[in-house]
Amino acid sequence: LNVTYTMIHRLIMKGFLVLILSYANMADDEPSFTAGNTMCRNGGHCGYANGTSHSWCYIDYNGKWDYCCTTQCENRGKNYLLCSSGSQQEYFCGDAGKKDIHGRNCLPSHPCGLHHGENKPNFGFFWCYVDINHTWGKCCHPDDTCTDKGQGYSSCRTGIMPNEHIAN
């Protein structure tokens, strides 16, 4: 729970209910991100829409969607991070969306993702903006890590196609 100084002040001055309402309003204004760190389209939110048993959101205007985490993103005894979306299955998730393949930090407002729609380029691979001048970089696919896969150099999958790898 991220509580700001203003919220704490409201709690002291007006009571606990104001804090709860302030937090609820703040949460509604913040966009949601999928398990793969793609921002929900148009600042949308994750949820159980259309009677599904899993949390999800649309990530483009062509009907493409992705799962959202309902539990913590954690290691669970594997060398990658998993979360639940409310159903029985687990999904890849985590900090994969915070740096490009060159180690540059992604802008907090633009983590790695496919970023379909929203007047952003549709490259067909995971990418993020790394500065306010719209310099962008490719990112590893959320279910892959940048490691040496026996070729003598590190690589990871960056695209939506299973065999698309890039050297780092």
Protein backbone atom coordinates (compact mmCIF):
# COMPACT_ATOMS: atom_id res chain seq x y z
CA LEU A 1 0.00 0.00 0.00
CA ASN A 2 1.58 3.25 -1.14
CA VAL A 3 0.42 5.96 1.23
CA THR A 4 1.49 9.53 0.55
CA TYR A 5 2.13 12.28 3.09
CA THR A 6 -1.09 14.00 1.96
CA MET A 7 -3.05 10.85 2.69
CA ILE A 8 -1.51 10.52 6.15
CA HIS A 9 -2.37 14.16 6.84
CA ARG A 10 -5.97 13.53 5.77
CA LEU A 11 -6.09 10.52 8.05
CA ILE A 12 -5.02 12.62 11.01
CA MET A 13 -7.23 15.62 10.17
CA LYS A 14 -10.45 14.00 8.95
CA GLY A 15 -10.44 10.36 9.95
CA PHE A 16 -9.75 6.97 8.51
CA LEU A 17 -12.61 6.97 5.96
CA VAL A 18 -11.04 9.85 4.03
CA LEU A 19 -7.81 7.87 3.68
CA ILE A 20 -9.66 4.88 2.27
CA LEU A 21 -11.55 7.05 -0.22
CA SER A 22 -8.36 8.85 -1.27
CA TYR A 23 -6.60 5.55 -1.87
CA ALA A 24 -9.52 4.17 -3.88
CA ASN A 25 -9.58 7.26 -6.09
CA MET A 26 -5.80 7.15 -6.59
CA ALA A 27 -5.94 3.48 -7.56
CA ASP A 28 -8.63 4.19 -10.17
CA ASP A 29 -6.43 6.83 -11.82
CA GLU A 30 -3.38 4.58 -12.19
CA PRO A 31 -3.19 2.27 -15.22
CA SER A 32 -2.90 -1.47 -14.74
CA PHE A 33 -0.18 -3.67 -16.16
CA THR A 34 -0.39 -7.27 -17.32
CA ALA A 35 1.70 -10.13 -15.97
CA GLY A 36 4.10 -9.40 -18.84
CA ASN A 37 4.34 -5.71 -17.86
CA THR A 38 2.34 -4.43 -20.83
CA MET A 39 0.17 -1.47 -19.91
CA CYS A 40 -3.55 -2.09 -20.27
CA ARG A 41 -4.89 -0.21 -23.27
CA ASN A 42 -5.86 3.40 -22.81
CA GLY A 43 -5.08 3.37 -19.09
CA GLY A 44 -7.58 0.54 -18.51
CA HIS A 45 -7.66 -1.77 -15.55
CA CYS A 46 -7.31 -5.48 -14.97
CA GLY A 47 -10.43 -7.38 -13.98
CA TYR A 48 -12.68 -10.40 -14.38
CA ALA A 49 -14.69 -9.13 -17.36
CA ASN A 50 -17.11 -11.21 -19.43
CA GLY A 51 -17.48 -13.91 -16.77
CA THR A 52 -13.89 -15.16 -16.99
CA SER A 53 -12.18 -17.00 -14.14
CA HIS A 54 -8.98 -14.99 -14.57
CA SER A 55 -8.00 -11.34 -14.33
CA TRP A 56 -7.09 -9.76 -17.68
CA CYS A 57 -7.21 -6.57 -19.76
CA TYR A 58 -7.07 -5.49 -23.38
CA ILE A 59 -3.63 -4.40 -24.58
CA ASP A 60 -4.57 -3.19 -28.07
CA TYR A 61 -7.59 -2.08 -30.09
CA ASN A 62 -7.74 -5.27 -32.16
CA GLY A 63 -9.01 -7.41 -29.29
CA LYS A 64 -5.60 -8.67 -28.08
CA TRP A 65 -5.55 -9.20 -24.32
CA ASP A 66 -3.19 -10.51 -21.65
CA TYR A 67 -3.43 -12.00 -18.16
CA CYS A 68 -3.00 -9.85 -15.06
CA CYS A 69 -1.50 -10.94 -11.74
CA THR A 70 -3.77 -11.33 -8.73
CA THR A 71 -0.95 -12.63 -6.52
CA GLN A 72 2.61 -11.54 -5.88
CA CYS A 73 5.07 -12.13 -8.69
CA GLU A 74 7.55 -14.56 -7.12
CA ASN A 75 10.20 -17.17 -7.86
CA ARG A 76 8.31 -20.31 -6.69
CA GLY A 77 11.41 -22.52 -6.96
CA LYS A 78 12.13 -21.80 -10.62
CA ASN A 79 14.62 -19.50 -12.33
CA TYR A 80 11.87 -17.16 -13.50
CA LEU A 81 8.98 -15.34 -11.85
CA LEU A 82 5.37 -16.52 -11.80
CA CYS A 83 2.04 -15.19 -10.58
CA SER A 84 -1.57 -16.35 -10.57
CA SER A 85 -4.32 -14.50 -12.39
CA GLY A 86 -7.13 -15.97 -10.33
CA SER A 87 -7.36 -19.21 -12.30
CA GLN A 88 -5.51 -22.48 -11.69
CA GLN A 89 -2.63 -21.61 -14.03
CA GLU A 90 0.49 -19.55 -13.37
CA TYR A 91 1.88 -16.90 -15.71
CA PHE A 92 5.29 -15.40 -16.33
CA CYS A 93 5.67 -12.02 -14.72
CA GLY A 94 8.11 -9.70 -13.10
CA ASP A 95 10.83 -7.17 -13.49
CA ALA A 96 11.54 -8.23 -17.05
CA GLY A 97 9.73 -5.08 -18.13
CA LYS A 98 12.00 -2.59 -16.38
CA LYS A 99 15.18 -2.62 -18.54
CA ASP A 100 15.94 -2.96 -22.23
CA ILE A 101 18.42 -5.56 -23.54
CA HIS A 102 21.26 -3.05 -23.14
CA GLY A 103 20.52 -2.57 -19.44
CA ARG A 104 19.00 0.89 -19.81
CA ASN A 105 16.13 1.65 -17.44
CA CYS A 106 12.73 1.92 -19.08
CA LEU A 107 10.72 5.01 -18.26
CA PRO A 108 8.41 4.22 -15.32
CA SER A 109 5.47 5.36 -17.45
CA HIS A 110 6.48 3.02 -20.29
CA PRO A 111 7.72 -0.43 -19.17
CA CYS A 112 8.57 -3.13 -21.69
CA GLY A 113 5.62 -4.44 -23.61
CA LEU A 114 4.18 -4.90 -27.09
CA HIS A 115 2.43 -1.50 -26.85
CA HIS A 116 -0.15 -1.99 -29.58
CA GLY A 117 -2.30 1.05 -30.28
CA GLU A 118 -2.14 4.28 -28.28
CA ASN A 119 -0.34 6.01 -31.19
CA LYS A 120 2.82 4.01 -30.45
CA PRO A 121 4.72 1.95 -33.01
CA ASN A 122 3.64 -1.68 -33.36
CA PHE A 123 6.99 -3.36 -33.89
CA GLY A 124 5.90 -6.96 -33.13
CA PHE A 125 8.47 -7.23 -30.35
CA PHE A 126 8.80 -6.13 -26.73
CA TRP A 127 10.23 -2.66 -26.30
CA CYS A 128 10.18 0.43 -24.08
CA TYR A 129 11.09 4.09 -24.13
CA VAL A 130 14.32 4.73 -22.23
CA ASP A 131 14.24 8.55 -22.25
CA ILE A 132 11.86 11.44 -22.77
CA ASN A 133 13.13 11.92 -26.34
CA HIS A 134 11.40 8.64 -27.29
CA THR A 135 14.64 6.69 -27.61
CA TRP A 136 13.51 3.09 -27.42
CA GLY A 137 15.13 -0.27 -26.85
CA LYS A 138 14.17 -3.90 -27.35
CA CYS A 139 13.35 -5.94 -24.25
CA CYS A 140 13.41 -9.63 -23.46
CA HIS A 141 10.11 -11.48 -23.81
CA PRO A 142 8.58 -11.83 -20.30
CA ASP A 143 9.06 -15.61 -20.33
CA ASP A 144 12.73 -15.48 -21.35
CA THR A 145 15.87 -14.25 -19.62
CA CYS A 146 19.05 -12.97 -21.19
CA THR A 147 21.44 -15.90 -20.73
CA ASP A 148 24.04 -17.89 -22.64
CA LYS A 149 22.05 -20.57 -24.40
CA GLY A 150 25.15 -22.54 -25.40
CA GLN A 151 26.25 -20.22 -28.20
CA GLY A 152 28.98 -18.37 -26.32
CA TYR A 153 26.99 -15.14 -25.95
CA SER A 154 23.89 -14.01 -24.08
CA SER A 155 20.59 -13.73 -25.88
CA CYS A 156 16.88 -13.63 -25.21
CA ARG A 157 13.66 -13.80 -27.17
CA THR A 158 12.38 -10.30 -27.90
CA GLY A 159 9.56 -10.94 -30.34
CA ILE A 160 6.26 -12.69 -30.31
CA MET A 161 7.58 -15.45 -32.59
CA PRO A 162 9.08 -18.41 -30.65
CA ASN A 163 12.46 -18.41 -32.43
CA GLU A 164 13.20 -14.68 -32.54
CA HIS A 165 16.35 -14.13 -30.43
CA ILE A 166 18.70 -11.24 -30.23
CA ALA A 167 22.26 -11.12 -28.94
CA ASN A 168 22.95 -8.85 -26.04
